[in-house]
Amino acid sequence: MSLVLELSPLWQLSKNTIIPTIKTRLGDNYSQILTQGISPYCEWDVRSPVYSKPELDVILADLRQYSLSSFEWSPTGEDLKECVCDEWTVTTVGENQYTISTKITSTQVRSNASIISKVYPPRV
């Protein structure tokens, strides 16, 4: 059974789509850039709302299981995507006020718009 991460809508999400490339330096300051594969991936910067220490301890205990292995997550309500994250970082923002943040990497990004379809004319 795979883990499914569900975050409150109050969490702030910031998406960065990354297309893996290889850059080769040629002579006379020229360079060539090639893409690696055909699938880009996304990194999401995720930040929680402000929590008190007792709330933080409960939420962080639950979130730490997601840094141990891959999990499924749907940041925008679309299909679930396989994701990984390294660890959850706690930041103090005031007296007894904390936020939690991490960087979640989606390993499978695919939308219907990226699928090329060919429409054939009807046979006569």
Protein backbone atom coordinates (compact mmCIF):
# COMPACT_ATOMS: atom_id res chain seq x y z
CA MET A 1 0.00 0.00 0.00
CA SER A 2 1.51 3.32 -0.99
CA LEU A 3 1.34 6.45 1.11
CA VAL A 4 -0.84 9.34 -0.06
CA LEU A 5 0.07 12.80 1.19
CA GLU A 6 -2.84 15.14 1.86
CA LEU A 7 -2.12 18.74 2.87
CA SER A 8 -4.55 21.41 3.98
CA PRO A 9 -5.43 24.07 1.36
CA LEU A 10 -3.82 26.58 3.76
CA TRP A 11 -0.35 25.32 2.81
CA GLN A 12 1.52 27.50 0.29
CA LEU A 13 2.72 25.76 -2.88
CA SER A 14 5.19 27.04 -5.46
CA LYS A 15 5.84 24.98 -8.62
CA ASN A 16 9.04 24.84 -10.66
CA THR A 17 9.08 22.66 -13.81
CA ILE A 18 12.53 21.32 -14.67
CA ILE A 19 13.62 19.94 -18.02
CA PRO A 20 16.85 17.96 -17.56
CA THR A 21 19.51 19.07 -20.04
CA ILE A 22 23.12 18.39 -20.98
CA LYS A 23 25.20 21.40 -21.98
CA THR A 24 28.27 20.77 -24.15
CA ARG A 25 30.80 23.55 -24.67
CA LEU A 26 32.09 23.85 -28.21
CA GLY A 27 34.83 26.11 -29.56
CA ASP A 28 34.61 29.91 -29.90
CA ASN A 29 32.09 30.32 -27.03
CA TYR A 30 29.45 28.18 -28.72
CA SER A 31 27.55 25.58 -26.77
CA GLN A 32 24.99 22.90 -27.50
CA ILE A 33 22.12 22.06 -25.15
CA LEU A 34 20.34 18.71 -25.40
CA THR A 35 17.39 17.55 -23.33
CA GLN A 36 17.74 14.34 -21.33
CA GLY A 37 14.68 12.23 -22.02
CA ILE A 38 11.22 13.47 -22.87
CA SER A 39 9.68 13.91 -19.42
CA PRO A 40 10.15 17.07 -17.37
CA TYR A 41 9.67 16.86 -13.63
CA CYS A 42 8.37 19.33 -11.07
CA GLU A 43 9.74 20.56 -7.80
CA TRP A 44 7.24 22.03 -5.36
CA ASP A 45 8.29 24.33 -2.53
CA VAL A 46 5.79 23.59 0.21
CA ARG A 47 5.28 25.80 3.31
CA SER A 48 2.79 25.32 6.10
CA PRO A 49 0.74 27.94 7.92
CA VAL A 50 1.96 28.96 11.40
CA TYR A 51 1.55 26.30 14.11
CA SER A 52 2.05 26.31 17.87
CA LYS A 53 4.50 23.84 19.43
CA PRO A 54 1.86 21.21 20.39
CA GLU A 55 0.30 21.33 16.90
CA LEU A 56 3.75 21.21 15.30
CA ASP A 57 4.75 18.04 17.16
CA VAL A 58 1.64 16.14 16.06
CA ILE A 59 1.84 17.26 12.41
CA LEU A 60 5.60 16.71 12.13
CA ALA A 61 5.35 13.18 13.53
CA ASP A 62 2.89 12.37 10.74
CA LEU A 63 4.88 14.13 7.98
CA ARG A 64 8.18 12.40 8.76
CA GLN A 65 6.90 9.11 7.34
CA TYR A 66 6.83 10.77 3.90
CA SER A 67 10.56 11.48 3.93
CA LEU A 68 11.41 7.78 4.32
CA SER A 69 10.10 6.56 0.94
CA SER A 70 8.19 7.64 -2.14
CA PHE A 71 4.56 8.63 -1.80
CA GLU A 72 1.67 9.77 -3.95
CA TRP A 73 0.49 13.37 -3.96
CA SER A 74 -1.85 15.57 -5.98
CA PRO A 75 -0.83 19.20 -5.44
CA THR A 76 -3.44 20.65 -7.79
CA GLY A 77 -6.26 18.13 -7.46
CA GLU A 78 -5.25 16.32 -10.66
CA ASP A 79 -4.19 12.69 -10.86
CA LEU A 80 -1.88 11.45 -8.12
CA LYS A 81 1.82 11.67 -8.93
CA GLU A 82 4.68 9.68 -7.45
CA CYS A 83 6.78 12.01 -5.33
CA VAL A 84 9.78 12.12 -3.00
CA CYS A 85 11.10 14.62 -0.47
CA ASP A 86 14.25 14.71 1.63
CA GLU A 87 13.16 16.05 4.99
CA TRP A 88 10.75 18.49 6.62
CA THR A 89 12.36 21.69 7.92
CA VAL A 90 10.96 23.56 10.93
CA THR A 91 11.42 27.35 11.07
CA THR A 92 10.72 29.51 14.11
CA VAL A 93 8.74 32.61 13.11
CA GLY A 94 7.91 33.94 16.58
CA GLU A 95 7.49 32.92 20.18
CA ASN A 96 5.82 29.49 20.10
CA GLN A 97 5.13 29.91 16.36
CA TYR A 98 6.58 27.58 13.75
CA THR A 99 6.27 26.73 10.07
CA ILE A 100 7.17 23.51 8.26
CA SER A 101 8.67 23.46 4.78
CA THR A 102 10.15 21.03 2.27
CA LYS A 103 10.86 20.56 -1.42
CA ILE A 104 8.76 17.80 -3.00
CA THR A 105 9.92 16.36 -6.32
CA SER A 106 7.33 14.84 -8.60
CA THR A 107 8.94 11.98 -10.51
CA GLN A 108 6.14 11.55 -13.04
CA VAL A 109 4.66 14.63 -14.68
CA ARG A 110 2.27 14.15 -17.54
CA SER A 111 -0.74 16.07 -18.69
CA ASN A 112 -3.11 15.28 -21.52
CA ALA A 113 -1.85 18.38 -23.34
CA SER A 114 1.58 16.77 -23.71
CA ILE A 115 0.24 13.70 -25.51
CA ILE A 116 0.38 14.09 -29.27
CA SER A 117 -2.63 12.63 -30.99
CA LYS A 118 -3.16 12.27 -34.69
CA VAL A 119 -6.63 12.60 -36.15
CA TYR A 120 -7.13 10.53 -39.22
CA PRO A 121 -9.67 11.59 -41.87
CA PRO A 122 -12.64 9.25 -42.29
CA ARG A 123 -12.29 6.57 -44.97
CA VAL A 124 -14.35 7.17 -48.06
